[in-house]
Amino acid sequence: MITLRTVLIDALWVLGLAGLLATFSYMSWVRTVQPQPWRRLYNLPRMLVPLCVSVELFCIGLALNGVLAYQPAPQWETIAWSLLALLFAAQTILYGWAGMRHGWDRPLAERDGDERAKRSR
């Protein structure tokens, strides 16, 4: 039976998948405007923050679906989805902090190399 509660819970993981699609679509568009390799785009906080938020929404939706469904999922499954959601939330915070601190269009790999170069001098 379809209820408002199930529609709202399912909307979370569908919104997460839509966010993933939108993020990859935006990354593809950026590649056409500024030709650069995919590897560089995957290291930009501008791309990683929405990617992690989308996966986080997907995990939260599946965890809630496992708990509140008509036939609840096994407890280990709900715990696994919840842990993944927490890990992606932490990643989102770290990438957002790095973006605010060093710039949203500066790859994470370059930051590590710059810090190592400064330490060796």
PDB file of N, CA and C in Angstrom:
ATOM      1  N   MET A   1       0.834  -1.180   0.000  1.00  0.00           N
ATOM      2  CA  MET A   1       0.000   0.000   0.000  1.00  0.00           C
ATOM      3  C   MET A   1       0.885   1.251   0.000  1.00  0.00           C
ATOM      4  N   ILE A   2       0.516   2.185  -0.811  1.00  0.00           N
ATOM      5  CA  ILE A   2       1.289   3.420  -0.919  1.00  0.00           C
ATOM      6  C   ILE A   2       0.748   4.441   0.083  1.00  0.00           C
ATOM      7  N   THR A   3       1.650   4.936   0.925  1.00  0.00           N
ATOM      8  CA  THR A   3       1.296   5.967   1.893  1.00  0.00           C
ATOM      9  C   THR A   3       2.219   7.165   1.688  1.00  0.00           C
ATOM     10  N   LEU A   4       1.866   8.258   2.314  1.00  0.00           N
ATOM     11  CA  LEU A   4       2.685   9.466   2.204  1.00  0.00           C
ATOM     12  C   LEU A   4       4.077   9.218   2.790  1.00  0.00           C
ATOM     13  N   ARG A   5       4.125   8.457   3.874  1.00  0.00           N
ATOM     14  CA  ARG A   5       5.403   8.154   4.515  1.00  0.00           C
ATOM     15  C   ARG A   5       6.335   7.395   3.566  1.00  0.00           C
ATOM     16  N   THR A   6       5.830   6.378   2.892  1.00  0.00           N
ATOM     17  CA  THR A   6       6.682   5.606   1.983  1.00  0.00           C
ATOM     18  C   THR A   6       7.112   6.440   0.772  1.00  0.00           C
ATOM     19  N   VAL A   7       6.233   7.301   0.320  1.00  0.00           N
ATOM     20  CA  VAL A   7       6.589   8.168  -0.815  1.00  0.00           C
ATOM     21  C   VAL A   7       7.707   9.125  -0.416  1.00  0.00           C
ATOM     22  N   LEU A   8       7.635   9.709   0.773  1.00  0.00           N
ATOM     23  CA  LEU A   8       8.675  10.637   1.226  1.00  0.00           C
ATOM     24  C   LEU A   8      10.005   9.928   1.453  1.00  0.00           C
ATOM     25  N   ILE A   9       9.954   8.723   2.010  1.00  0.00           N
ATOM     26  CA  ILE A   9      11.191   7.972   2.239  1.00  0.00           C
ATOM     27  C   ILE A   9      11.817   7.566   0.908  1.00  0.00           C
ATOM     28  N   ASP A  10      11.005   7.079  -0.013  1.00  0.00           N
ATOM     29  CA  ASP A  10      11.533   6.699  -1.319  1.00  0.00           C
ATOM     30  C   ASP A  10      12.018   7.908  -2.106  1.00  0.00           C
ATOM     31  N   ALA A  11      11.434   9.063  -1.829  1.00  0.00           N
ATOM     32  CA  ALA A  11      11.874  10.286  -2.514  1.00  0.00           C
ATOM     33  C   ALA A  11      13.312  10.636  -2.135  1.00  0.00           C
ATOM     34  N   LEU A  12      13.753  10.268  -0.927  1.00  0.00           N
ATOM     35  CA  LEU A  12      15.124  10.574  -0.514  1.00  0.00           C
ATOM     36  C   LEU A  12      16.150   9.852  -1.382  1.00  0.00           C
ATOM     37  N   TRP A  13      15.985   8.546  -1.555  1.00  0.00           N
ATOM     38  CA  TRP A  13      17.002   7.836  -2.334  1.00  0.00           C
ATOM     39  C   TRP A  13      16.888   8.151  -3.823  1.00  0.00           C
ATOM     40  N   VAL A  14      15.674   8.451  -4.286  1.00  0.00           N
ATOM     41  CA  VAL A  14      15.522   8.866  -5.688  1.00  0.00           C
ATOM     42  C   VAL A  14      16.179  10.235  -5.894  1.00  0.00           C
ATOM     43  N   LEU A  15      16.023  11.131  -4.932  1.00  0.00           N
ATOM     44  CA  LEU A  15      16.678  12.439  -4.999  1.00  0.00           C
ATOM     45  C   LEU A  15      18.193  12.289  -4.988  1.00  0.00           C
ATOM     46  N   GLY A  16      18.705  11.327  -4.216  1.00  0.00           N
ATOM     47  CA  GLY A  16      20.138  11.059  -4.210  1.00  0.00           C
ATOM     48  C   GLY A  16      20.633  10.603  -5.570  1.00  0.00           C
ATOM     49  N   LEU A  17      19.887   9.698  -6.208  1.00  0.00           N
ATOM     50  CA  LEU A  17      20.270   9.249  -7.549  1.00  0.00           C
ATOM     51  C   LEU A  17      20.181  10.379  -8.568  1.00  0.00           C
ATOM     52  N   ALA A  18      19.157  11.220  -8.440  1.00  0.00           N
ATOM     53  CA  ALA A  18      19.033  12.373  -9.338  1.00  0.00           C
ATOM     54  C   ALA A  18      20.204  13.337  -9.137  1.00  0.00           C
ATOM     55  N   GLY A  19      20.638  13.497  -7.889  1.00  0.00           N
ATOM     56  CA  GLY A  19      21.796  14.346  -7.611  1.00  0.00           C
ATOM     57  C   GLY A  19      23.072  13.795  -8.218  1.00  0.00           C
ATOM     58  N   LEU A  20      23.240  12.472  -8.165  1.00  0.00           N
ATOM     59  CA  LEU A  20      24.397  11.849  -8.810  1.00  0.00           C
ATOM     60  C   LEU A  20      24.399  12.110 -10.314  1.00  0.00           C
ATOM     61  N   LEU A  21      23.240  11.918 -10.918  1.00  0.00           N
ATOM     62  CA  LEU A  21      23.122  12.160 -12.357  1.00  0.00           C
ATOM     63  C   LEU A  21      23.408  13.618 -12.697  1.00  0.00           C
ATOM     64  N   ALA A  22      22.871  14.531 -11.901  1.00  0.00           N
ATOM     65  CA  ALA A  22      23.103  15.955 -12.142  1.00  0.00           C
ATOM     66  C   ALA A  22      24.576  16.319 -11.959  1.00  0.00           C
ATOM     67  N   THR A  23      25.228  15.739 -10.965  1.00  0.00           N
ATOM     68  CA  THR A  23      26.646  16.026 -10.730  1.00  0.00           C
ATOM     69  C   THR A  23      27.502  15.547 -11.897  1.00  0.00           C
ATOM     70  N   PHE A  24      27.265  14.310 -12.351  1.00  0.00           N
ATOM     71  CA  PHE A  24      28.043  13.805 -13.480  1.00  0.00           C
ATOM     72  C   PHE A  24      27.727  14.569 -14.767  1.00  0.00           C
ATOM     73  N   SER A  25      26.488  15.006 -14.922  1.00  0.00           N
ATOM     74  CA  SER A  25      26.133  15.805 -16.086  1.00  0.00           C
ATOM     75  C   SER A  25      26.863  17.142 -16.051  1.00  0.00           C
ATOM     76  N   TYR A  26      26.918  17.768 -14.889  1.00  0.00           N
ATOM     77  CA  TYR A  26      27.631  19.031 -14.737  1.00  0.00           C
ATOM     78  C   TYR A  26      29.124  18.845 -15.000  1.00  0.00           C
ATOM     79  N   MET A  27      29.687  17.735 -14.501  1.00  0.00           N
ATOM     80  CA  MET A  27      31.108  17.460 -14.740  1.00  0.00           C
ATOM     81  C   MET A  27      31.383  17.279 -16.225  1.00  0.00           C
ATOM     82  N   SER A  28      30.484  16.626 -16.916  1.00  0.00           N
ATOM     83  CA  SER A  28      30.644  16.445 -18.356  1.00  0.00           C
ATOM     84  C   SER A  28      30.570  17.788 -19.077  1.00  0.00           C
ATOM     85  N   TRP A  29      29.670  18.651 -18.656  1.00  0.00           N
ATOM     86  CA  TRP A  29      29.555  19.974 -19.263  1.00  0.00           C
ATOM     87  C   TRP A  29      30.817  20.800 -19.004  1.00  0.00           C
ATOM     88  N   VAL A  30      31.349  20.734 -17.789  1.00  0.00           N
ATOM     89  CA  VAL A  30      32.577  21.467 -17.473  1.00  0.00           C
ATOM     90  C   VAL A  30      33.717  21.007 -18.370  1.00  0.00           C
ATOM     91  N   ARG A  31      33.770  19.710 -18.659  1.00  0.00           N
ATOM     92  CA  ARG A  31      34.819  19.186 -19.546  1.00  0.00           C
ATOM     93  C   ARG A  31      34.695  19.744 -20.952  1.00  0.00           C
ATOM     94  N   THR A  32      33.487  20.040 -21.420  1.00  0.00           N
ATOM     95  CA  THR A  32      33.340  20.608 -22.763  1.00  0.00           C
ATOM     96  C   THR A  32      33.733  22.080 -22.787  1.00  0.00           C
ATOM     97  N   VAL A  33      33.498  22.791 -21.687  1.00  0.00           N
ATOM     98  CA  VAL A  33      33.836  24.216 -21.630  1.00  0.00           C
ATOM     99  C   VAL A  33      35.328  24.416 -21.375  1.00  0.00           C
ATOM    100  N   GLN A  34      35.869  23.664 -20.429  1.00  0.00           N
ATOM    101  CA  GLN A  34      37.287  23.747 -20.084  1.00  0.00           C
ATOM    102  C   GLN A  34      37.881  22.348 -20.247  1.00  0.00           C
ATOM    103  N   PRO A  35      38.499  22.056 -21.371  1.00  0.00           N
ATOM    104  CA  PRO A  35      39.028  20.711 -21.589  1.00  0.00           C
ATOM    105  C   PRO A  35      40.061  20.329 -20.519  1.00  0.00           C
ATOM    106  N   GLN A  36      39.710  19.358 -19.719  1.00  0.00           N
ATOM    107  CA  GLN A  36      40.601  18.842 -18.687  1.00  0.00           C
ATOM    108  C   GLN A  36      40.262  17.377 -18.442  1.00  0.00           C
ATOM    109  N   PRO A  37      41.208  16.613 -17.955  1.00  0.00           N
ATOM    110  CA  PRO A  37      40.951  15.185 -17.769  1.00  0.00           C
ATOM    111  C   PRO A  37      39.970  14.931 -16.633  1.00  0.00           C
ATOM    112  N   TRP A  38      39.310  13.775 -16.697  1.00  0.00           N
ATOM    113  CA  TRP A  38      38.357  13.391 -15.654  1.00  0.00           C
ATOM    114  C   TRP A  38      39.044  13.309 -14.294  1.00  0.00           C
ATOM    115  N   ARG A  39      40.290  12.869 -14.293  1.00  0.00           N
ATOM    116  CA  ARG A  39      41.014  12.710 -13.023  1.00  0.00           C
ATOM    117  C   ARG A  39      41.084  14.028 -12.266  1.00  0.00           C
ATOM    118  N   ARG A  40      41.300  15.120 -12.996  1.00  0.00           N
ATOM    119  CA  ARG A  40      41.361  16.432 -12.334  1.00  0.00           C
ATOM    120  C   ARG A  40      39.989  16.810 -11.780  1.00  0.00           C
ATOM    121  N   LEU A  41      38.937  16.537 -12.543  1.00  0.00           N
ATOM    122  CA  LEU A  41      37.595  16.879 -12.070  1.00  0.00           C
ATOM    123  C   LEU A  41      37.208  16.085 -10.835  1.00  0.00           C
ATOM    124  N   TYR A  42      37.650  14.831 -10.766  1.00  0.00           N
ATOM    125  CA  TYR A  42      37.318  14.006  -9.601  1.00  0.00           C
ATOM    126  C   TYR A  42      38.045  14.455  -8.344  1.00  0.00           C
ATOM    127  N   ASN A  43      39.009  15.337  -8.455  1.00  0.00           N
ATOM    128  CA  ASN A  43      39.740  15.851  -7.299  1.00  0.00           C
ATOM    129  C   ASN A  43      39.315  17.251  -6.880  1.00  0.00           C
ATOM    130  N   LEU A  44      38.348  17.836  -7.567  1.00  0.00           N
ATOM    131  CA  LEU A  44      37.907  19.190  -7.235  1.00  0.00           C
ATOM    132  C   LEU A  44      36.830  19.154  -6.152  1.00  0.00           C
ATOM    133  N   PRO A  45      36.987  19.950  -5.091  1.00  0.00           N
ATOM    134  CA  PRO A  45      35.931  20.008  -4.077  1.00  0.00           C
ATOM    135  C   PRO A  45      34.585  20.462  -4.656  1.00  0.00           C
ATOM    136  N   ARG A  46      34.616  21.283  -5.713  1.00  0.00           N
ATOM    137  CA  ARG A  46      33.383  21.734  -6.352  1.00  0.00           C
ATOM    138  C   ARG A  46      32.566  20.547  -6.864  1.00  0.00           C
ATOM    139  N   MET A  47      33.220  19.472  -7.231  1.00  0.00           N
ATOM    140  CA  MET A  47      32.535  18.280  -7.732  1.00  0.00           C
ATOM    141  C   MET A  47      32.308  17.245  -6.630  1.00  0.00           C
ATOM    142  N   LEU A  48      33.227  17.169  -5.681  1.00  0.00           N
ATOM    143  CA  LEU A  48      33.142  16.135  -4.658  1.00  0.00           C
ATOM    144  C   LEU A  48      32.056  16.393  -3.620  1.00  0.00           C
ATOM    145  N   VAL A  49      31.818  17.662  -3.298  1.00  0.00           N
ATOM    146  CA  VAL A  49      30.785  17.963  -2.289  1.00  0.00           C
ATOM    147  C   VAL A  49      29.396  17.542  -2.765  1.00  0.00           C
ATOM    148  N   PRO A  50      28.935  17.944  -3.960  1.00  0.00           N
ATOM    149  CA  PRO A  50      27.601  17.480  -4.377  1.00  0.00           C
ATOM    150  C   PRO A  50      27.544  15.970  -4.606  1.00  0.00           C
ATOM    151  N   LEU A  51      28.663  15.387  -5.012  1.00  0.00           N
ATOM    152  CA  LEU A  51      28.704  13.936  -5.205  1.00  0.00           C
ATOM    153  C   LEU A  51      28.493  13.218  -3.872  1.00  0.00           C
ATOM    154  N   CYS A  52      29.188  13.668  -2.837  1.00  0.00           N
ATOM    155  CA  CYS A  52      29.041  13.049  -1.514  1.00  0.00           C
ATOM    156  C   CYS A  52      27.666  13.312  -0.904  1.00  0.00           C
ATOM    157  N   VAL A  53      27.119  14.498  -1.102  1.00  0.00           N
ATOM    158  CA  VAL A  53      25.774  14.789  -0.585  1.00  0.00           C
ATOM    159  C   VAL A  53      24.742  13.888  -1.258  1.00  0.00           C
ATOM    160  N   SER A  54      24.897  13.667  -2.549  1.00  0.00           N
ATOM    161  CA  SER A  54      23.956  12.808  -3.272  1.00  0.00           C
ATOM    162  C   SER A  54      24.016  11.369  -2.778  1.00  0.00           C
ATOM    163  N   VAL A  55      25.227  10.853  -2.592  1.00  0.00           N
ATOM    164  CA  VAL A  55      25.361   9.484  -2.094  1.00  0.00           C
ATOM    165  C   VAL A  55      24.856   9.397  -0.656  1.00  0.00           C
ATOM    166  N   GLU A  56      25.061  10.445   0.109  1.00  0.00           N
ATOM    167  CA  GLU A  56      24.560  10.485   1.486  1.00  0.00           C
ATOM    168  C   GLU A  56      23.027  10.418   1.512  1.00  0.00           C
ATOM    169  N   LEU A  57      22.367  11.190   0.657  1.00  0.00           N
ATOM    170  CA  LEU A  57      20.904  11.126   0.576  1.00  0.00           C
ATOM    171  C   LEU A  57      20.425   9.739   0.165  1.00  0.00           C
ATOM    172  N   PHE A  58      21.130   9.124  -0.770  1.00  0.00           N
ATOM    173  CA  PHE A  58      20.791   7.777  -1.208  1.00  0.00           C
ATOM    174  C   PHE A  58      20.889   6.798  -0.029  1.00  0.00           C
ATOM    175  N   CYS A  59      21.968   6.867   0.733  1.00  0.00           N
ATOM    176  CA  CYS A  59      22.157   5.959   1.865  1.00  0.00           C
ATOM    177  C   CYS A  59      21.123   6.204   2.966  1.00  0.00           C
ATOM    178  N   ILE A  60      20.812   7.458   3.242  1.00  0.00           N
ATOM    179  CA  ILE A  60      19.800   7.770   4.258  1.00  0.00           C
ATOM    180  C   ILE A  60      18.442   7.238   3.830  1.00  0.00           C
ATOM    181  N   GLY A  61      18.110   7.408   2.552  1.00  0.00           N
ATOM    182  CA  GLY A  61      16.833   6.908   2.053  1.00  0.00           C
ATOM    183  C   GLY A  61      16.721   5.402   2.170  1.00  0.00           C
ATOM    184  N   LEU A  62      17.794   4.676   1.844  1.00  0.00           N
ATOM    185  CA  LEU A  62      17.748   3.219   1.951  1.00  0.00           C
ATOM    186  C   LEU A  62      17.733   2.758   3.402  1.00  0.00           C
ATOM    187  N   ALA A  63      18.433   3.460   4.283  1.00  0.00           N
ATOM    188  CA  ALA A  63      18.400   3.097   5.707  1.00  0.00           C
ATOM    189  C   ALA A  63      17.004   3.311   6.288  1.00  0.00           C
ATOM    190  N   LEU A  64      16.391   4.451   5.975  1.00  0.00           N
ATOM    191  CA  LEU A  64      15.029   4.708   6.465  1.00  0.00           C
ATOM    192  C   LEU A  64      14.026   3.735   5.857  1.00  0.00           C
ATOM    193  N   ASN A  65      14.225   3.409   4.619  1.00  0.00           N
ATOM    194  CA  ASN A  65      13.350   2.447   3.965  1.00  0.00           C
ATOM    195  C   ASN A  65      13.460   1.079   4.649  1.00  0.00           C
ATOM    196  N   GLY A  66      14.665   0.701   5.062  1.00  0.00           N
ATOM    197  CA  GLY A  66      14.856  -0.566   5.750  1.00  0.00           C
ATOM    198  C   GLY A  66      14.204  -0.604   7.109  1.00  0.00           C
ATOM    199  N   VAL A  67      14.169   0.532   7.791  1.00  0.00           N
ATOM    200  CA  VAL A  67      13.579   0.582   9.134  1.00  0.00           C
ATOM    201  C   VAL A  67      12.061   0.696   9.074  1.00  0.00           C
ATOM    202  N   LEU A  68      11.559   1.550   8.198  1.00  0.00           N
ATOM    203  CA  LEU A  68      10.135   1.897   8.224  1.00  0.00           C
ATOM    204  C   LEU A  68       9.295   1.200   7.157  1.00  0.00           C
ATOM    205  N   ALA A  69       9.861   0.268   6.450  1.00  0.00           N
ATOM    206  CA  ALA A  69       9.118  -0.410   5.388  1.00  0.00           C
ATOM    207  C   ALA A  69       8.073  -1.359   5.981  1.00  0.00           C
ATOM    208  N   TYR A  70       7.144  -1.780   5.119  1.00  0.00           N
ATOM    209  CA  TYR A  70       6.113  -2.725   5.548  1.00  0.00           C
ATOM    210  C   TYR A  70       6.755  -4.016   6.029  1.00  0.00           C
ATOM    211  N   GLN A  71       7.745  -4.498   5.296  1.00  0.00           N
ATOM    212  CA  GLN A  71       8.565  -5.629   5.720  1.00  0.00           C
ATOM    213  C   GLN A  71       9.964  -5.092   5.985  1.00  0.00           C
ATOM    214  N   PRO A  72      10.317  -4.820   7.244  1.00  0.00           N
ATOM    215  CA  PRO A  72      11.622  -4.212   7.535  1.00  0.00           C
ATOM    216  C   PRO A  72      12.788  -5.074   7.055  1.00  0.00           C
ATOM    217  N   ALA A  73      13.854  -4.400   6.669  1.00  0.00           N
ATOM    218  CA  ALA A  73      15.073  -5.078   6.226  1.00  0.00           C
ATOM    219  C   ALA A  73      15.810  -5.619   7.445  1.00  0.00           C
ATOM    220  N   PRO A  74      16.746  -6.545   7.230  1.00  0.00           N
ATOM    221  CA  PRO A  74      17.555  -7.023   8.358  1.00  0.00           C
ATOM    222  C   PRO A  74      18.304  -5.874   9.024  1.00  0.00           C
ATOM    223  N   GLN A  75      18.539  -6.027  10.299  1.00  0.00           N
ATOM    224  CA  GLN A  75      19.157  -4.948  11.065  1.00  0.00           C
ATOM    225  C   GLN A  75      20.566  -4.628  10.571  1.00  0.00           C
ATOM    226  N   TRP A  76      21.325  -5.638  10.157  1.00  0.00           N
ATOM    227  CA  TRP A  76      22.685  -5.395   9.693  1.00  0.00           C
ATOM    228  C   TRP A  76      22.689  -4.512   8.448  1.00  0.00           C
ATOM    229  N   GLU A  77      21.658  -4.669   7.607  1.00  0.00           N
ATOM    230  CA  GLU A  77      21.576  -3.877   6.385  1.00  0.00           C
ATOM    231  C   GLU A  77      21.332  -2.403   6.706  1.00  0.00           C
ATOM    232  N   THR A  78      20.442  -2.159   7.643  1.00  0.00           N
ATOM    233  CA  THR A  78      20.143  -0.783   8.051  1.00  0.00           C
ATOM    234  C   THR A  78      21.364  -0.145   8.702  1.00  0.00           C
ATOM    235  N   ILE A  79      22.083  -0.907   9.499  1.00  0.00           N
ATOM    236  CA  ILE A  79      23.293  -0.390  10.144  1.00  0.00           C
ATOM    237  C   ILE A  79      24.349  -0.060   9.090  1.00  0.00           C
ATOM    238  N   ALA A  80      24.493  -0.913   8.100  1.00  0.00           N
ATOM    239  CA  ALA A  80      25.483  -0.668   7.040  1.00  0.00           C
ATOM    240  C   ALA A  80      25.158   0.609   6.264  1.00  0.00           C
ATOM    241  N   TRP A  81      23.890   0.791   5.887  1.00  0.00           N
ATOM    242  CA  TRP A  81      23.513   2.005   5.159  1.00  0.00           C
ATOM    243  C   TRP A  81      23.689   3.244   6.030  1.00  0.00           C
ATOM    244  N   SER A  82      23.409   3.116   7.324  1.00  0.00           N
ATOM    245  CA  SER A  82      23.580   4.253   8.230  1.00  0.00           C
ATOM    246  C   SER A  82      25.048   4.625   8.386  1.00  0.00           C
ATOM    247  N   LEU A  83      25.918   3.622   8.498  1.00  0.00           N
ATOM    248  CA  LEU A  83      27.352   3.904   8.596  1.00  0.00           C
ATOM    249  C   LEU A  83      27.882   4.554   7.323  1.00  0.00           C
ATOM    250  N   LEU A  84      27.428   4.063   6.178  1.00  0.00           N
ATOM    251  CA  LEU A  84      27.840   4.691   4.919  1.00  0.00           C
ATOM    252  C   LEU A  84      27.374   6.144   4.854  1.00  0.00           C
ATOM    253  N   ALA A  85      26.165   6.411   5.312  1.00  0.00           N
ATOM    254  CA  ALA A  85      25.662   7.790   5.318  1.00  0.00           C
ATOM    255  C   ALA A  85      26.518   8.673   6.214  1.00  0.00           C
ATOM    256  N   LEU A  86      26.919   8.159   7.377  1.00  0.00           N
ATOM    257  CA  LEU A  86      27.778   8.934   8.279  1.00  0.00           C
ATOM    258  C   LEU A  86      29.159   9.179   7.662  1.00  0.00           C
ATOM    259  N   LEU A  87      29.704   8.174   7.007  1.00  0.00           N
ATOM    260  CA  LEU A  87      31.009   8.349   6.368  1.00  0.00           C
ATOM    261  C   LEU A  87      30.950   9.383   5.246  1.00  0.00           C
ATOM    262  N   PHE A  88      29.894   9.346   4.453  1.00  0.00           N
ATOM    263  CA  PHE A  88      29.778  10.337   3.381  1.00  0.00           C
ATOM    264  C   PHE A  88      29.483  11.727   3.933  1.00  0.00           C
ATOM    265  N   ALA A  89      28.805  11.810   5.076  1.00  0.00           N
ATOM    266  CA  ALA A  89      28.594  13.118   5.713  1.00  0.00           C
ATOM    267  C   ALA A  89      29.931  13.699   6.166  1.00  0.00           C
ATOM    268  N   ALA A  90      30.781  12.845   6.737  1.00  0.00           N
ATOM    269  CA  ALA A  90      32.110  13.308   7.153  1.00  0.00           C
ATOM    270  C   ALA A  90      32.924  13.748   5.939  1.00  0.00           C
ATOM    271  N   GLN A  91      32.867  12.982   4.850  1.00  0.00           N
ATOM    272  CA  GLN A  91      33.572  13.359   3.620  1.00  0.00           C
ATOM    273  C   GLN A  91      33.074  14.694   3.086  1.00  0.00           C
ATOM    274  N   THR A  92      31.776  14.907   3.130  1.00  0.00           N
ATOM    275  CA  THR A  92      31.201  16.168   2.659  1.00  0.00           C
ATOM    276  C   THR A  92      31.752  17.340   3.455  1.00  0.00           C
ATOM    277  N   ILE A  93      31.812  17.172   4.769  1.00  0.00           N
ATOM    278  CA  ILE A  93      32.327  18.241   5.627  1.00  0.00           C
ATOM    279  C   ILE A  93      33.799  18.500   5.329  1.00  0.00           C
ATOM    280  N   LEU A  94      34.576  17.437   5.188  1.00  0.00           N
ATOM    281  CA  LEU A  94      36.006  17.613   4.915  1.00  0.00           C
ATOM    282  C   LEU A  94      36.256  18.267   3.557  1.00  0.00           C
ATOM    283  N   TYR A  95      35.533  17.836   2.528  1.00  0.00           N
ATOM    284  CA  TYR A  95      35.704  18.433   1.203  1.00  0.00           C
ATOM    285  C   TYR A  95      35.216  19.879   1.190  1.00  0.00           C
ATOM    286  N   GLY A  96      34.130  20.156   1.890  1.00  0.00           N
ATOM    287  CA  GLY A  96      33.641  21.535   1.975  1.00  0.00           C
ATOM    288  C   GLY A  96      34.625  22.435   2.697  1.00  0.00           C
ATOM    289  N   TRP A  97      35.205  21.920   3.758  1.00  0.00           N
ATOM    290  CA  TRP A  97      36.195  22.690   4.503  1.00  0.00           C
ATOM    291  C   TRP A  97      37.433  22.953   3.649  1.00  0.00           C
ATOM    292  N   ALA A  98      37.879  21.930   2.924  1.00  0.00           N
ATOM    293  CA  ALA A  98      39.038  22.095   2.039  1.00  0.00           C
ATOM    294  C   ALA A  98      38.728  23.088   0.923  1.00  0.00           C
ATOM    295  N   GLY A  99      37.499  23.050   0.397  1.00  0.00           N
ATOM    296  CA  GLY A  99      37.120  23.990  -0.648  1.00  0.00           C
ATOM    297  C   GLY A  99      37.100  25.421  -0.151  1.00  0.00           C
ATOM    298  N   MET A 100      36.568  25.634   1.049  1.00  0.00           N
ATOM    299  CA  MET A 100      36.536  26.989   1.602  1.00  0.00           C
ATOM    300  C   MET A 100      37.933  27.486   1.950  1.00  0.00           C
ATOM    301  N   ARG A 101      38.781  26.584   2.366  1.00  0.00           N
ATOM    302  CA  ARG A 101      40.105  26.978   2.820  1.00  0.00           C
ATOM    303  C   ARG A 101      41.082  27.220   1.670  1.00  0.00           C
ATOM    304  N   HIS A 102      41.070  26.343   0.662  1.00  0.00           N
ATOM    305  CA  HIS A 102      42.078  26.409  -0.402  1.00  0.00           C
ATOM    306  C   HIS A 102      41.528  26.789  -1.768  1.00  0.00           C
ATOM    307  N   GLY A 103      40.223  26.838  -1.911  1.00  0.00           N
ATOM    308  CA  GLY A 103      39.632  27.156  -3.207  1.00  0.00           C
ATOM    309  C   GLY A 103      38.878  25.968  -3.770  1.00  0.00           C
ATOM    310  N   TRP A 104      37.753  26.248  -4.395  1.00  0.00           N
ATOM    311  CA  TRP A 104      36.876  25.193  -4.882  1.00  0.00           C
ATOM    312  C   TRP A 104      37.372  24.563  -6.172  1.00  0.00           C
ATOM    313  N   ASP A 105      38.226  25.261  -6.903  1.00  0.00           N
ATOM    314  CA  ASP A 105      38.701  24.748  -8.186  1.00  0.00           C
ATOM    315  C   ASP A 105      40.155  24.313  -8.153  1.00  0.00           C
ATOM    316  N   ARG A 106      40.679  24.104  -6.990  1.00  0.00           N
ATOM    317  CA  ARG A 106      42.051  23.620  -6.853  1.00  0.00           C
ATOM    318  C   ARG A 106      42.006  22.154  -6.429  1.00  0.00           C
ATOM    319  N   PRO A 107      42.555  21.261  -7.244  1.00  0.00           N
ATOM    320  CA  PRO A 107      42.467  19.832  -6.936  1.00  0.00           C
ATOM    321  C   PRO A 107      43.106  19.463  -5.598  1.00  0.00           C
ATOM    322  N   LEU A 108      42.545  18.467  -4.951  1.00  0.00           N
ATOM    323  CA  LEU A 108      43.059  18.008  -3.666  1.00  0.00           C
ATOM    324  C   LEU A 108      44.461  17.444  -3.801  1.00  0.00           C
ATOM    325  N   ALA A 109      44.759  16.775  -4.900  1.00  0.00           N
ATOM    326  CA  ALA A 109      46.078  16.175  -5.100  1.00  0.00           C
ATOM    327  C   ALA A 109      47.164  17.250  -5.179  1.00  0.00           C
ATOM    328  N   GLU A 110      46.866  18.389  -5.764  1.00  0.00           N
ATOM    329  CA  GLU A 110      47.844  19.473  -5.840  1.00  0.00           C
ATOM    330  C   GLU A 110      48.146  20.037  -4.469  1.00  0.00           C
ATOM    331  N   ARG A 111      47.167  20.089  -3.611  1.00  0.00           N
ATOM    332  CA  ARG A 111      47.384  20.603  -2.262  1.00  0.00           C
ATOM    333  C   ARG A 111      48.370  19.735  -1.506  1.00  0.00           C
ATOM    334  N   ASP A 112      48.216  18.413  -1.627  1.00  0.00           N
ATOM    335  CA  ASP A 112      49.127  17.512  -0.935  1.00  0.00           C
ATOM    336  C   ASP A 112      50.541  17.684  -1.453  1.00  0.00           C
ATOM    337  N   GLY A 113      50.695  17.802  -2.758  1.00  0.00           N
ATOM    338  CA  GLY A 113      52.021  17.980  -3.347  1.00  0.00           C
ATOM    339  C   GLY A 113      52.648  19.299  -2.943  1.00  0.00           C
ATOM    340  N   ASP A 114      51.832  20.368  -2.841  1.00  0.00           N
ATOM    341  CA  ASP A 114      52.360  21.671  -2.449  1.00  0.00           C
ATOM    342  C   ASP A 114      52.856  21.633  -1.016  1.00  0.00           C
ATOM    343  N   GLU A 115      52.123  20.983  -0.130  1.00  0.00           N
ATOM    344  CA  GLU A 115      52.522  20.916   1.276  1.00  0.00           C
ATOM    345  C   GLU A 115      53.786  20.086   1.431  1.00  0.00           C
ATOM    346  N   ARG A 116      53.924  19.017   0.674  1.00  0.00           N
ATOM    347  CA  ARG A 116      55.139  18.200   0.737  1.00  0.00           C
ATOM    348  C   ARG A 116      56.335  18.980   0.216  1.00  0.00           C
ATOM    349  N   ALA A 117      56.127  19.765  -0.834  1.00  0.00           N
ATOM    350  CA  ALA A 117      57.216  20.559  -1.406  1.00  0.00           C
ATOM    351  C   ALA A 117      57.676  21.623  -0.409  1.00  0.00           C
ATOM    352  N   LYS A 118      56.733  22.232   0.305  1.00  0.00           N
ATOM    353  CA  LYS A 118      57.089  23.265   1.292  1.00  0.00           C
ATOM    354  C   LYS A 118      57.864  22.650   2.461  1.00  0.00           C
ATOM    355  N   ARG A 119      57.473  21.441   2.867  1.00  0.00           N
ATOM    356  CA  ARG A 119      58.145  20.793   3.991  1.00  0.00           C
ATOM    357  C   ARG A 119      59.569  20.398   3.620  1.00  0.00           C
ATOM    358  N   SER A 120      59.803  20.025   2.382  1.00  0.00           N
ATOM    359  CA  SER A 120      61.134  19.556   1.982  1.00  0.00           C
ATOM    360  C   SER A 120      62.118  20.710   1.800  1.00  0.00           C
ATOM    361  N   ARG A 121      61.633  21.932   1.700  1.00  0.00           N
ATOM    362  CA  ARG A 121      62.519  23.090   1.497  1.00  0.00           C
ATOM    363  C   ARG A 121      63.197  23.498   2.754  1.00  0.00           C
TER     364      ARG A 121
END
